Protein backbone atom coordinates (compact mmCIF):
# COMPACT_ATOMS: atom_id res chain seq x y z
CA MET A 1 -15.43 1.36 1.91
CA THR A 2 -14.09 4.66 3.04
CA VAL A 3 -10.86 4.40 1.18
CA PRO A 4 -12.29 3.34 -2.25
CA HIS A 5 -14.74 6.32 -1.93
CA LEU A 6 -12.08 8.81 -1.10
CA ILE A 7 -9.80 7.48 -3.92
CA ALA A 8 -12.69 7.62 -6.44
CA PHE A 9 -13.55 11.25 -5.15
CA LEU A 10 -9.95 12.53 -5.69
CA ALA A 11 -9.61 10.67 -9.05
CA ALA A 12 -12.93 12.21 -10.26
CA ARG A 13 -11.41 15.58 -9.48
CA GLY A 14 -8.46 15.25 -11.56
CA HIS A 15 -6.05 14.46 -8.85
CA ALA A 16 -3.25 11.90 -9.69
CA VAL A 17 -3.36 9.00 -7.00
CA ASP A 18 -0.63 6.38 -6.54
CA LEU A 19 -0.98 3.09 -4.71
CA TYR A 20 1.74 1.29 -2.89
CA GLY A 21 0.39 -2.01 -1.62
CA LEU A 22 1.55 -5.34 -0.26
CA ASP A 23 1.01 -8.67 -2.32
CA THR A 24 -0.97 -10.77 0.20
CA VAL A 25 -0.96 -13.86 -2.32
CA GLU A 26 -4.72 -13.24 -2.94
CA ALA A 27 -5.48 -12.94 -6.58
CA ILE A 28 -6.82 -9.90 -8.03
CA THR A 29 -9.95 -10.07 -10.09
CA SER A 30 -10.37 -8.46 -13.62
CA VAL A 31 -13.08 -6.17 -11.88
CA GLN A 32 -10.48 -5.07 -9.21
CA ARG A 33 -7.69 -4.55 -11.73
CA ASP A 34 -10.15 -2.46 -13.99
CA TRP A 35 -11.07 -0.21 -10.98
CA LEU A 36 -7.42 0.21 -9.91
CA ALA A 37 -6.54 1.25 -13.53
CA ALA A 38 -9.35 3.76 -13.61
CA HIS A 39 -8.70 5.40 -10.33
CA TYR A 40 -4.72 5.28 -9.87
CA ARG A 41 -1.97 6.84 -11.94
CA ASN A 42 0.39 4.25 -10.65
CA VAL A 43 -0.11 0.82 -8.82
CA THR A 44 3.05 -0.53 -7.27
CA ILE A 45 2.48 -3.94 -5.26
CA PHE A 46 5.33 -5.25 -3.20
CA ARG A 47 5.98 -9.14 -2.36
CA HIS A 48 5.14 -9.73 1.04
CA GLY A 49 5.04 -13.58 1.75
CA PRO A 50 4.34 -15.25 5.19
CA ALA A 51 8.05 -15.53 6.10
CA ARG A 52 8.49 -11.83 5.80
CA SER A 53 5.52 -11.20 7.93
CA ILE A 54 6.54 -13.44 10.71
CA ARG A 55 10.14 -11.98 10.61
CA GLY A 56 8.41 -8.61 10.90
CA VAL A 57 6.33 -9.52 13.85
CA LEU A 58 9.35 -11.13 15.72
CA ARG A 59 11.52 -7.84 14.98
CA GLY A 60 8.45 -5.78 16.02
CA LEU A 61 7.85 -7.48 19.27
CA LEU A 62 11.64 -7.21 20.30
CA ARG A 63 11.04 -3.23 19.48
CA GLY A 64 7.84 -3.12 21.52
CA TYR A 65 5.62 -2.29 18.35
CA PRO A 66 2.20 -3.53 17.88
CA LEU A 67 1.78 -6.72 15.97
CA GLN A 68 0.33 -5.03 12.81
CA VAL A 69 3.39 -2.73 12.59
CA GLY A 70 5.82 -5.77 12.37
CA TRP A 71 3.43 -7.75 10.39
CA PHE A 72 3.01 -5.25 7.54
CA HIS A 73 6.73 -3.87 7.74
CA ASN A 74 8.21 -3.98 4.22
CA ALA A 75 11.50 -2.07 3.68
CA GLY A 76 10.85 -1.89 -0.20
CA GLN A 77 7.56 -0.21 0.11
CA ILE A 78 8.72 2.23 2.75
CA LYS A 79 11.63 3.26 0.45
CA ALA A 80 9.31 3.72 -2.53
CA ILE A 81 6.82 5.80 -0.46
CA ARG A 82 9.50 8.11 0.90
CA HIS A 83 10.67 8.52 -2.79
CA GLY A 84 7.03 9.13 -3.97
CA LEU A 85 6.14 11.63 -1.14
CA GLY A 86 8.75 14.08 -2.57
CA GLU A 87 6.34 14.36 -5.79
CA VAL A 88 3.07 14.86 -4.04
CA ASP A 89 1.09 17.54 -2.16
CA LEU A 90 -0.52 14.86 0.14
CA GLY A 91 0.27 11.35 1.35
CA TYR A 92 -2.47 9.32 2.93
CA CYS A 93 -1.66 5.95 4.84
């Protein structure tokens, strides 16, 4: 619950907060959608199916990365974050 509290804190003080997330194929409820809309300026979700995760894990293992790094690697998300970081004062991962 730390991250939602931090986001709510920042949004309540007028900060513009953007979210770059991965689609885990779990449906977003209307309550969650409303919370996201109330606290984020922009929400960008990237497709990240099981095949991409498995490829990432294999690639990560070959490079000696921890499993989570390979599992959640998404080139489209990385590109968007790098672009978005040029427009902000603070980035939090």
